[in-house]
Amino acid sequence: DGRVPEIINNLPVVQPTIMAGVPRIYEKIYAGVNAQFEGGGAKAKIAD
């Protein structure tokens, strides 16, 4: 499925064991996950 906006939605459904990508995709995943830990608090401290 080449629809880039659907990658994050597809991963839990497909449950792949391997995936290739360009750096920009890993940057987006990194930013998306870290956005959940912004603002400090216990959740951010546990993640750090």
All heavy atoms as atom14 arrays in JSON, in Angstrom:
{
  "sequence": "DGRVPEIINNLPVVQPTIMAGVPRIYEKIYAGVNAQFEGGGAKAKIAD",
  "atom14_mask": [
    [1, 1, 1, 1, 1, 1, 1, 1, 0, 0, 0, 0, 0, 0],
    [1, 1, 1, 1, 0, 0, 0, 0, 0, 0, 0, 0, 0, 0],
    [1, 1, 1, 1, 1, 1, 1, 1, 1, 1, 1, 0, 0, 0],
    [1, 1, 1, 1, 1, 1, 1, 0, 0, 0, 0, 0, 0, 0],
    [1, 1, 1, 1, 1, 1, 1, 0, 0, 0, 0, 0, 0, 0],
    [1, 1, 1, 1, 1, 1, 1, 1, 1, 0, 0, 0, 0, 0],
    [1, 1, 1, 1, 1, 1, 1, 1, 0, 0, 0, 0, 0, 0],
    [1, 1, 1, 1, 1, 1, 1, 1, 0, 0, 0, 0, 0, 0],
    [1, 1, 1, 1, 1, 1, 1, 1, 0, 0, 0, 0, 0, 0],
    [1, 1, 1, 1, 1, 1, 1, 1, 0, 0, 0, 0, 0, 0],
    [1, 1, 1, 1, 1, 1, 1, 1, 0, 0, 0, 0, 0, 0],
    [1, 1, 1, 1, 1, 1, 1, 0, 0, 0, 0, 0, 0, 0],
    [1, 1, 1, 1, 1, 1, 1, 0, 0, 0, 0, 0, 0, 0],
    [1, 1, 1, 1, 1, 1, 1, 0, 0, 0, 0, 0, 0, 0],
    [1, 1, 1, 1, 1, 1, 1, 1, 1, 0, 0, 0, 0, 0],
    [1, 1, 1, 1, 1, 1, 1, 0, 0, 0, 0, 0, 0, 0],
    [1, 1, 1, 1, 1, 1, 1, 0, 0, 0, 0, 0, 0, 0],
    [1, 1, 1, 1, 1, 1, 1, 1, 0, 0, 0, 0, 0, 0],
    [1, 1, 1, 1, 1, 1, 1, 1, 0, 0, 0, 0, 0, 0],
    [1, 1, 1, 1, 1, 0, 0, 0, 0, 0, 0, 0, 0, 0],
    [1, 1, 1, 1, 0, 0, 0, 0, 0, 0, 0, 0, 0, 0],
    [1, 1, 1, 1, 1, 1, 1, 0, 0, 0, 0, 0, 0, 0],
    [1, 1, 1, 1, 1, 1, 1, 0, 0, 0, 0, 0, 0, 0],
    [1, 1, 1, 1, 1, 1, 1, 1, 1, 1, 1, 0, 0, 0],
    [1, 1, 1, 1, 1, 1, 1, 1, 0, 0, 0, 0, 0, 0],
    [1, 1, 1, 1, 1, 1, 1, 1, 1, 1, 1, 1, 0, 0],
    [1, 1, 1, 1, 1, 1, 1, 1, 1, 0, 0, 0, 0, 0],
    [1, 1, 1, 1, 1, 1, 1, 1, 1, 0, 0, 0, 0, 0],
    [1, 1, 1, 1, 1, 1, 1, 1, 0, 0, 0, 0, 0, 0],
    [1, 1, 1, 1, 1, 1, 1, 1, 1, 1, 1, 1, 0, 0],
    [1, 1, 1, 1, 1, 0, 0, 0, 0, 0, 0, 0, 0, 0],
    [1, 1, 1, 1, 0, 0, 0, 0, 0, 0, 0, 0, 0, 0],
    [1, 1, 1, 1, 1, 1, 1, 0, 0, 0, 0, 0, 0, 0],
    [1, 1, 1, 1, 1, 1, 1, 1, 0, 0, 0, 0, 0, 0],
    [1, 1, 1, 1, 1, 0, 0, 0, 0, 0, 0, 0, 0, 0],
    [1, 1, 1, 1, 1, 1, 1, 1, 1, 0, 0, 0, 0, 0],
    [1, 1, 1, 1, 1, 1, 1, 1, 1, 1, 1, 0, 0, 0],
    [1, 1, 1, 1, 1, 1, 1, 1, 1, 0, 0, 0, 0, 0],
    [1, 1, 1, 1, 0, 0, 0, 0, 0, 0, 0, 0, 0, 0],
    [1, 1, 1, 1, 0, 0, 0, 0, 0, 0, 0, 0, 0, 0],
    [1, 1, 1, 1, 0, 0, 0, 0, 0, 0, 0, 0, 0, 0],
    [1, 1, 1, 1, 1, 0, 0, 0, 0, 0, 0, 0, 0, 0],
    [1, 1, 1, 1, 1, 1, 1, 1, 1, 0, 0, 0, 0, 0],
    [1, 1, 1, 1, 1, 0, 0, 0, 0, 0, 0, 0, 0, 0],
    [1, 1, 1, 1, 1, 1, 1, 1, 1, 0, 0, 0, 0, 0],
    [1, 1, 1, 1, 1, 1, 1, 1, 0, 0, 0, 0, 0, 0],
    [1, 1, 1, 1, 1, 0, 0, 0, 0, 0, 0, 0, 0, 0],
    [1, 1, 1, 1, 1, 1, 1, 1, 0, 0, 0, 0, 0, 0]
  ],
  "atom14_positions": [
    [[0.86, -1.18, 0.0], [0.0, 0.0, 0.0], [0.89, 1.23, 0.0], [1.57, 1.53, 0.98], [-0.92, 0.02, 1.22], [-1.92, 1.18, 1.2], [-1.87, 2.0, 0.26], [-2.76, 1.25, 2.11], [0.0, 0.0, 0.0], [0.0, 0.0, 0.0], [0.0, 0.0, 0.0], [0.0, 0.0, 0.0], [0.0, 0.0, 0.0], [0.0, 0.0, 0.0]],
    [[0.92, 1.95, -1.12], [1.81, 3.09, -1.26], [1.29, 4.41, -0.71], [1.94, 5.44, -0.88], [0.0, 0.0, 0.0], [0.0, 0.0, 0.0], [0.0, 0.0, 0.0], [0.0, 0.0, 0.0], [0.0, 0.0, 0.0], [0.0, 0.0, 0.0], [0.0, 0.0, 0.0], [0.0, 0.0, 0.0], [0.0, 0.0, 0.0], [0.0, 0.0, 0.0]],
    [[0.15, 4.39, -0.04], [-0.41, 5.63, 0.51], [0.36, 6.0, 1.78], [0.1, 5.47, 2.85], [-1.89, 5.47, 0.79], [-2.73, 5.17, -0.45], [-4.17, 4.85, -0.07], [-4.25, 3.66, 0.79], [-5.35, 3.26, 1.41], [-6.47, 3.98, 1.29], [-5.35, 2.17, 2.15], [0.0, 0.0, 0.0], [0.0, 0.0, 0.0], [0.0, 0.0, 0.0]],
    [[1.29, 6.94, 1.65], [2.16, 7.3, 2.77], [1.39, 7.75, 4.01], [1.74, 7.37, 5.13], [3.18, 8.39, 2.32], [4.01, 8.89, 3.51], [4.09, 7.82, 1.24], [0.0, 0.0, 0.0], [0.0, 0.0, 0.0], [0.0, 0.0, 0.0], [0.0, 0.0, 0.0], [0.0, 0.0, 0.0], [0.0, 0.0, 0.0], [0.0, 0.0, 0.0]],
    [[0.31, 8.56, 3.89], [-0.42, 8.96, 5.1], [-1.03, 7.8, 5.86], [-1.38, 7.95, 7.04], [-1.53, 9.89, 4.54], [-0.99, 10.39, 3.24], [-0.21, 9.25, 2.68], [0.0, 0.0, 0.0], [0.0, 0.0, 0.0], [0.0, 0.0, 0.0], [0.0, 0.0, 0.0], [0.0, 0.0, 0.0], [0.0, 0.0, 0.0], [0.0, 0.0, 0.0]],
    [[-1.18, 6.63, 5.22], [-1.78, 5.47, 5.86], [-0.77, 4.55, 6.53], [-1.17, 3.54, 7.12], [-2.6, 4.68, 4.84], [-3.82, 5.41, 4.3], [-4.81, 5.74, 5.39], [-5.09, 4.85, 6.23], [-5.29, 6.89, 5.43], [0.0, 0.0, 0.0], [0.0, 0.0, 0.0], [0.0, 0.0, 0.0], [0.0, 0.0, 0.0], [0.0, 0.0, 0.0]],
    [[0.52, 4.86, 6.45], [1.53, 3.95, 6.99], [1.29, 3.67, 8.46], [1.26, 2.5, 8.89], [2.95, 4.52, 6.77], [3.3, 4.5, 5.27], [3.97, 3.71, 7.55], [4.64, 5.15, 4.95], [0.0, 0.0, 0.0], [0.0, 0.0, 0.0], [0.0, 0.0, 0.0], [0.0, 0.0, 0.0], [0.0, 0.0, 0.0], [0.0, 0.0, 0.0]],
    [[1.14, 4.71, 9.26], [0.97, 4.52, 10.71], [-0.3, 3.74, 11.02], [-0.33, 2.91, 11.94], [0.95, 5.89, 11.44], [2.32, 6.58, 11.27], [0.63, 5.71, 12.9], [3.48, 5.81, 11.87], [0.0, 0.0, 0.0], [0.0, 0.0, 0.0], [0.0, 0.0, 0.0], [0.0, 0.0, 0.0], [0.0, 0.0, 0.0], [0.0, 0.0, 0.0]],
    [[-1.36, 3.96, 10.25], [-2.6, 3.22, 10.46], [-2.48, 1.76, 10.02], [-3.12, 0.87, 10.6], [-3.75, 3.88, 9.69], [-4.07, 5.27, 10.2], [-3.91, 5.55, 11.39], [-4.5, 6.14, 9.31], [0.0, 0.0, 0.0], [0.0, 0.0, 0.0], [0.0, 0.0, 0.0], [0.0, 0.0, 0.0], [0.0, 0.0, 0.0], [0.0, 0.0, 0.0]],
    [[-1.67, 1.52, 8.99], [-1.54, 0.17, 8.45], [-0.68, -0.75, 9.31], [-0.91, -1.96, 9.35], [-0.95, 0.22, 7.04], [-1.97, 0.6, 5.98], [-3.15, 0.37, 6.15], [-1.5, 1.19, 4.89], [0.0, 0.0, 0.0], [0.0, 0.0, 0.0], [0.0, 0.0, 0.0], [0.0, 0.0, 0.0], [0.0, 0.0, 0.0], [0.0, 0.0, 0.0]],
    [[0.32, -0.19, 9.97], [1.26, -1.02, 10.72], [0.58, -1.94, 11.75], [0.87, -3.14, 11.79], [2.32, -0.15, 11.39], [3.37, 0.44, 10.44], [4.26, 1.44, 11.17], [4.23, -0.65, 9.83], [0.0, 0.0, 0.0], [0.0, 0.0, 0.0], [0.0, 0.0, 0.0], [0.0, 0.0, 0.0], [0.0, 0.0, 0.0], [0.0, 0.0, 0.0]],
    [[-0.33, -1.43, 12.6], [-0.97, -2.34, 13.56], [-1.85, -3.4, 12.91], [-2.09, -4.46, 13.49], [-1.82, -1.39, 14.43], [-1.26, -0.03, 14.19], [-0.77, -0.04, 12.79], [0.0, 0.0, 0.0], [0.0, 0.0, 0.0], [0.0, 0.0, 0.0], [0.0, 0.0, 0.0], [0.0, 0.0, 0.0], [0.0, 0.0, 0.0], [0.0, 0.0, 0.0]],
    [[-2.34, -3.12, 11.69], [-3.2, -4.07, 10.99], [-2.37, -5.14, 10.3], [-2.63, -6.34, 10.42], [-4.08, -3.34, 9.95], [-4.94, -4.34, 9.18], [-4.96, -2.3, 10.64], [0.0, 0.0, 0.0], [0.0, 0.0, 0.0], [0.0, 0.0, 0.0], [0.0, 0.0, 0.0], [0.0, 0.0, 0.0], [0.0, 0.0, 0.0], [0.0, 0.0, 0.0]],
    [[-1.34, -4.72, 9.58], [-0.49, -5.65, 8.83], [0.4, -6.46, 9.77], [0.68, -7.63, 9.52], [0.37, -4.87, 7.81], [1.38, -5.79, 7.14], [-0.53, -4.21, 6.77], [0.0, 0.0, 0.0], [0.0, 0.0, 0.0], [0.0, 0.0, 0.0], [0.0, 0.0, 0.0], [0.0, 0.0, 0.0], [0.0, 0.0, 0.0], [0.0, 0.0, 0.0]],
    [[0.86, -5.83, 10.85], [1.78, -6.45, 11.8], [3.01, -7.02, 11.09], [3.32, -8.22, 11.17], [1.07, -7.56, 12.61], [-0.06, -7.04, 13.48], [-0.69, -8.13, 14.32], [-0.85, -9.27, 13.88], [-1.05, -7.79, 15.55], [0.0, 0.0, 0.0], [0.0, 0.0, 0.0], [0.0, 0.0, 0.0], [0.0, 0.0, 0.0], [0.0, 0.0, 0.0]],
    [[3.75, -6.17, 10.38], [4.92, -6.65, 9.65], [6.07, -7.03, 10.58], [6.14, -6.58, 11.72], [5.29, -5.45, 8.78], [4.87, -4.27, 9.61], [3.59, -4.71, 10.28], [0.0, 0.0, 0.0], [0.0, 0.0, 0.0], [0.0, 0.0, 0.0], [0.0, 0.0, 0.0], [0.0, 0.0, 0.0], [0.0, 0.0, 0.0], [0.0, 0.0, 0.0]],
    [[6.97, -7.82, 10.05], [8.21, -8.12, 10.77], [9.37, -7.32, 10.21], [10.37, -7.11, 10.89], [8.55, -9.62, 10.68], [8.68, -9.99, 9.3], [7.45, -10.46, 11.32], [0.0, 0.0, 0.0], [0.0, 0.0, 0.0], [0.0, 0.0, 0.0], [0.0, 0.0, 0.0], [0.0, 0.0, 0.0], [0.0, 0.0, 0.0], [0.0, 0.0, 0.0]],
    [[9.24, -6.85, 8.96], [10.27, -6.03, 8.33], [9.61, -4.92, 7.51], [8.52, -5.1, 6.98], [11.21, -6.85, 7.42], [10.41, -7.65, 6.39], [12.12, -7.75, 8.24], [11.27, -8.4, 5.39], [0.0, 0.0, 0.0], [0.0, 0.0, 0.0], [0.0, 0.0, 0.0], [0.0, 0.0, 0.0], [0.0, 0.0, 0.0], [0.0, 0.0, 0.0]],
    [[10.28, -3.78, 7.45], [9.8, -2.68, 6.62], [10.98, -1.81, 6.23], [11.84, -1.52, 7.07], [8.76, -1.82, 7.34], [8.12, -0.75, 6.45], [7.04, 0.42, 7.35], [8.24, 1.68, 7.85], [0.0, 0.0, 0.0], [0.0, 0.0, 0.0], [0.0, 0.0, 0.0], [0.0, 0.0, 0.0], [0.0, 0.0, 0.0], [0.0, 0.0, 0.0]],
    [[11.03, -1.43, 4.97], [12.08, -0.52, 4.49], [11.48, 0.86, 4.29], [10.3, 1.01, 3.98], [12.68, -1.04, 3.19], [0.0, 0.0, 0.0], [0.0, 0.0, 0.0], [0.0, 0.0, 0.0], [0.0, 0.0, 0.0], [0.0, 0.0, 0.0], [0.0, 0.0, 0.0], [0.0, 0.0, 0.0], [0.0, 0.0, 0.0], [0.0, 0.0, 0.0]],
    [[12.32, 1.87, 4.46], [11.85, 3.24, 4.29], [13.0, 4.2, 4.12], [14.18, 3.82, 4.24], [0.0, 0.0, 0.0], [0.0, 0.0, 0.0], [0.0, 0.0, 0.0], [0.0, 0.0, 0.0], [0.0, 0.0, 0.0], [0.0, 0.0, 0.0], [0.0, 0.0, 0.0], [0.0, 0.0, 0.0], [0.0, 0.0, 0.0], [0.0, 0.0, 0.0]],
    [[12.67, 5.43, 3.86], [13.66, 6.5, 3.77], [13.7, 7.22, 5.11], [12.77, 7.1, 5.92], [13.3, 7.47, 2.64], [13.41, 6.78, 1.28], [11.9, 8.05, 2.83], [0.0, 0.0, 0.0], [0.0, 0.0, 0.0], [0.0, 0.0, 0.0], [0.0, 0.0, 0.0], [0.0, 0.0, 0.0], [0.0, 0.0, 0.0], [0.0, 0.0, 0.0]],
    [[14.78, 7.94, 5.41], [14.92, 8.57, 6.72], [13.72, 9.4, 7.14], [13.37, 9.44, 8.33], [16.17, 9.43, 6.56], [17.0, 8.66, 5.6], [16.01, 8.1, 4.61], [0.0, 0.0, 0.0], [0.0, 0.0, 0.0], [0.0, 0.0, 0.0], [0.0, 0.0, 0.0], [0.0, 0.0, 0.0], [0.0, 0.0, 0.0], [0.0, 0.0, 0.0]],
    [[13.06, 10.07, 6.2], [11.94, 10.94, 6.56], [10.84, 10.19, 7.3], [10.21, 10.75, 8.21], [11.39, 11.6, 5.29], [10.24, 12.57, 5.54], [10.68, 13.71, 6.42], [9.58, 14.63, 6.73], [9.46, 15.29, 7.84], [10.35, 15.15, 8.82], [8.45, 16.12, 8.03], [0.0, 0.0, 0.0], [0.0, 0.0, 0.0], [0.0, 0.0, 0.0]],
    [[10.6, 8.94, 6.94], [9.56, 8.15, 7.61], [9.94, 7.89, 9.06], [9.1, 8.0, 9.97], [9.35, 6.83, 6.86], [8.68, 7.1, 5.51], [8.51, 5.85, 7.69], [7.33, 7.77, 5.59], [0.0, 0.0, 0.0], [0.0, 0.0, 0.0], [0.0, 0.0, 0.0], [0.0, 0.0, 0.0], [0.0, 0.0, 0.0], [0.0, 0.0, 0.0]],
    [[11.2, 7.56, 9.31], [11.63, 7.3, 10.69], [11.63, 8.59, 11.51], [11.36, 8.57, 12.71], [13.0, 6.64, 10.68], [12.99, 5.36, 9.87], [13.72, 5.25, 8.69], [12.18, 4.28, 10.25], [13.67, 4.09, 7.93], [12.13, 3.13, 9.49], [12.87, 3.04, 8.33], [12.81, 1.9, 7.58], [0.0, 0.0, 0.0], [0.0, 0.0, 0.0]],
    [[11.91, 9.69, 10.83], [11.83, 10.99, 11.52], [10.39, 11.27, 11.95], [10.16, 11.79, 13.06], [12.33, 12.11, 10.59], [13.82, 12.04, 10.3], [14.23, 12.94, 9.14], [13.36, 13.68, 8.62], [15.42, 12.91, 8.75], [0.0, 0.0, 0.0], [0.0, 0.0, 0.0], [0.0, 0.0, 0.0], [0.0, 0.0, 0.0], [0.0, 0.0, 0.0]],
    [[9.43, 10.95, 11.09], [8.02, 11.18, 11.43], [7.57, 10.29, 12.58], [6.84, 10.73, 13.47], [7.15, 10.94, 10.2], [7.23, 12.02, 9.14], [6.25, 11.77, 8.0], [6.26, 12.91, 7.0], [5.29, 12.7, 5.89], [0.0, 0.0, 0.0], [0.0, 0.0, 0.0], [0.0, 0.0, 0.0], [0.0, 0.0, 0.0], [0.0, 0.0, 0.0]],
    [[7.98, 9.04, 12.56], [7.63, 8.14, 13.66], [8.23, 8.64, 14.97], [7.56, 8.69, 16.01], [8.12, 6.7, 13.36], [7.35, 6.12, 12.16], [7.94, 5.81, 14.59], [7.88, 4.78, 11.69], [0.0, 0.0, 0.0], [0.0, 0.0, 0.0], [0.0, 0.0, 0.0], [0.0, 0.0, 0.0], [0.0, 0.0, 0.0], [0.0, 0.0, 0.0]],
    [[9.49, 9.02, 14.91], [10.2, 9.55, 16.07], [9.48, 10.78, 16.63], [9.23, 10.87, 17.85], [11.62, 9.89, 15.64], [12.46, 10.66, 16.64], [13.14, 10.01, 17.67], [12.6, 12.05, 16.54], [13.93, 10.72, 18.56], [13.38, 12.77, 17.42], [14.05, 12.11, 18.43], [14.83, 12.8, 19.32], [0.0, 0.0, 0.0], [0.0, 0.0, 0.0]],
    [[9.13, 11.71, 15.75], [8.45, 12.93, 16.2], [7.07, 12.62, 16.75], [6.64, 13.2, 17.75], [8.35, 13.92, 15.03], [0.0, 0.0, 0.0], [0.0, 0.0, 0.0], [0.0, 0.0, 0.0], [0.0, 0.0, 0.0], [0.0, 0.0, 0.0], [0.0, 0.0, 0.0], [0.0, 0.0, 0.0], [0.0, 0.0, 0.0], [0.0, 0.0, 0.0]],
    [[6.36, 11.7, 16.11], [5.01, 11.37, 16.55], [4.97, 10.75, 17.93], [4.12, 11.1, 18.76], [0.0, 0.0, 0.0], [0.0, 0.0, 0.0], [0.0, 0.0, 0.0], [0.0, 0.0, 0.0], [0.0, 0.0, 0.0], [0.0, 0.0, 0.0], [0.0, 0.0, 0.0], [0.0, 0.0, 0.0], [0.0, 0.0, 0.0], [0.0, 0.0, 0.0]],
    [[5.9, 9.84, 18.19], [5.95, 9.19, 19.5], [6.38, 10.19, 20.57], [5.78, 10.27, 21.66], [6.91, 7.99, 19.48], [7.11, 7.44, 20.9], [6.37, 6.89, 18.57], [0.0, 0.0, 0.0], [0.0, 0.0, 0.0], [0.0, 0.0, 0.0], [0.0, 0.0, 0.0], [0.0, 0.0, 0.0], [0.0, 0.0, 0.0], [0.0, 0.0, 0.0]],
    [[7.41, 10.99, 20.28], [7.91, 11.93, 21.28], [6.91, 13.03, 21.59], [6.94, 13.61, 22.69], [9.24, 12.54, 20.81], [10.41, 11.6, 21.03], [10.44, 10.88, 22.01], [11.35, 11.6, 20.12], [0.0, 0.0, 0.0], [0.0, 0.0, 0.0], [0.0, 0.0, 0.0], [0.0, 0.0, 0.0], [0.0, 0.0, 0.0], [0.0, 0.0, 0.0]],
    [[6.01, 13.31, 20.65], [5.0, 14.33, 20.89], [4.09, 13.94, 22.06], [3.53, 14.8, 22.74], [4.17, 14.55, 19.64], [0.0, 0.0, 0.0], [0.0, 0.0, 0.0], [0.0, 0.0, 0.0], [0.0, 0.0, 0.0], [0.0, 0.0, 0.0], [0.0, 0.0, 0.0], [0.0, 0.0, 0.0], [0.0, 0.0, 0.0], [0.0, 0.0, 0.0]],
    [[3.97, 12.64, 22.29], [3.12, 12.17, 23.4], [3.76, 12.44, 24.77], [3.07, 12.39, 25.78], [2.89, 10.67, 23.26], [2.19, 10.26, 21.97], [2.01, 8.76, 21.89], [2.02, 8.05, 22.9], [1.86, 8.26, 20.68], [0.0, 0.0, 0.0], [0.0, 0.0, 0.0], [0.0, 0.0, 0.0], [0.0, 0.0, 0.0], [0.0, 0.0, 0.0]],
    [[5.07, 12.66, 24.74], [5.78, 12.85, 26.02], [6.11, 14.31, 26.3], [6.81, 14.63, 27.26], [7.08, 12.03, 26.02], [6.87, 10.57, 25.74], [7.66, 9.92, 24.82], [5.88, 9.86, 26.39], [7.49, 8.58, 24.54], [5.69, 8.51, 26.13], [6.5, 7.86, 25.2], [0.0, 0.0, 0.0], [0.0, 0.0, 0.0], [0.0, 0.0, 0.0]],
    [[5.63, 15.22, 25.44], [5.92, 16.63, 25.63], [5.13, 17.19, 26.81], [4.08, 16.67, 27.17], [5.58, 17.42, 24.36], [6.51, 17.11, 23.19], [6.11, 17.85, 21.92], [5.03, 18.47, 21.93], [6.87, 17.79, 20.93], [0.0, 0.0, 0.0], [0.0, 0.0, 0.0], [0.0, 0.0, 0.0], [0.0, 0.0, 0.0], [0.0, 0.0, 0.0]],
    [[5.65, 18.25, 27.41], [4.93, 18.92, 28.48], [5.35, 18.5, 29.87], [4.77, 18.94, 30.87], [0.0, 0.0, 0.0], [0.0, 0.0, 0.0], [0.0, 0.0, 0.0], [0.0, 0.0, 0.0], [0.0, 0.0, 0.0], [0.0, 0.0, 0.0], [0.0, 0.0, 0.0], [0.0, 0.0, 0.0], [0.0, 0.0, 0.0], [0.0, 0.0, 0.0]],
    [[6.37, 17.62, 29.94], [6.83, 17.21, 31.26], [5.87, 16.25, 31.94], [5.07, 15.57, 31.3], [0.0, 0.0, 0.0], [0.0, 0.0, 0.0], [0.0, 0.0, 0.0], [0.0, 0.0, 0.0], [0.0, 0.0, 0.0], [0.0, 0.0, 0.0], [0.0, 0.0, 0.0], [0.0, 0.0, 0.0], [0.0, 0.0, 0.0], [0.0, 0.0, 0.0]],
    [[5.93, 16.18, 33.26], [5.06, 15.28, 34.0], [5.65, 13.89, 34.12], [6.73, 13.59, 33.59], [0.0, 0.0, 0.0], [0.0, 0.0, 0.0], [0.0, 0.0, 0.0], [0.0, 0.0, 0.0], [0.0, 0.0, 0.0], [0.0, 0.0, 0.0], [0.0, 0.0, 0.0], [0.0, 0.0, 0.0], [0.0, 0.0, 0.0], [0.0, 0.0, 0.0]],
    [[4.92, 13.02, 34.83], [5.4, 11.67, 35.11], [5.64, 10.86, 33.84], [6.62, 10.12, 33.72], [4.4, 10.95, 36.01], [0.0, 0.0, 0.0], [0.0, 0.0, 0.0], [0.0, 0.0, 0.0], [0.0, 0.0, 0.0], [0.0, 0.0, 0.0], [0.0, 0.0, 0.0], [0.0, 0.0, 0.0], [0.0, 0.0, 0.0], [0.0, 0.0, 0.0]],
    [[4.74, 11.02, 32.89], [4.85, 10.25, 31.64], [6.16, 10.57, 30.92], [6.85, 9.68, 30.42], [3.65, 10.57, 30.75], [3.45, 9.64, 29.58], [2.15, 9.97, 28.85], [1.92, 9.01, 27.71], [0.65, 9.31, 26.97], [0.0, 0.0, 0.0], [0.0, 0.0, 0.0], [0.0, 0.0, 0.0], [0.0, 0.0, 0.0], [0.0, 0.0, 0.0]],
    [[6.5, 11.84, 30.82], [7.72, 12.26, 30.15], [8.95, 11.78, 30.9], [9.95, 11.35, 30.3], [7.76, 13.78, 30.01], [0.0, 0.0, 0.0], [0.0, 0.0, 0.0], [0.0, 0.0, 0.0], [0.0, 0.0, 0.0], [0.0, 0.0, 0.0], [0.0, 0.0, 0.0], [0.0, 0.0, 0.0], [0.0, 0.0, 0.0], [0.0, 0.0, 0.0]],
    [[8.89, 11.84, 32.25], [10.04, 11.4, 33.05], [10.29, 9.9, 32.89], [11.43, 9.44, 32.81], [9.82, 11.75, 34.52], [9.87, 13.25, 34.8], [9.61, 13.54, 36.26], [9.67, 15.05, 36.53], [9.37, 15.39, 37.95], [0.0, 0.0, 0.0], [0.0, 0.0, 0.0], [0.0, 0.0, 0.0], [0.0, 0.0, 0.0], [0.0, 0.0, 0.0]],
    [[9.2, 9.12, 32.84], [9.33, 7.67, 32.66], [9.93, 7.37, 31.29], [10.81, 6.51, 31.16], [7.97, 6.97, 32.82], [7.51, 7.07, 34.27], [8.04, 5.51, 32.37], [6.09, 6.6, 34.5], [0.0, 0.0, 0.0], [0.0, 0.0, 0.0], [0.0, 0.0, 0.0], [0.0, 0.0, 0.0], [0.0, 0.0, 0.0], [0.0, 0.0, 0.0]],
    [[9.48, 8.09, 30.26], [10.0, 7.87, 28.91], [11.48, 8.23, 28.84], [12.28, 7.49, 28.24], [9.2, 8.7, 27.9], [0.0, 0.0, 0.0], [0.0, 0.0, 0.0], [0.0, 0.0, 0.0], [0.0, 0.0, 0.0], [0.0, 0.0, 0.0], [0.0, 0.0, 0.0], [0.0, 0.0, 0.0], [0.0, 0.0, 0.0], [0.0, 0.0, 0.0]],
    [[11.86, 9.36, 29.44], [13.27, 9.76, 29.43], [14.13, 8.7, 30.12], [15.21, 8.35, 29.63], [13.45, 11.11, 30.15], [12.91, 12.28, 29.33], [12.7, 12.1, 28.12], [12.68, 13.36, 29.92], [0.0, 0.0, 0.0], [0.0, 0.0, 0.0], [0.0, 0.0, 0.0], [0.0, 0.0, 0.0], [0.0, 0.0, 0.0], [0.0, 0.0, 0.0]]
  ]
}
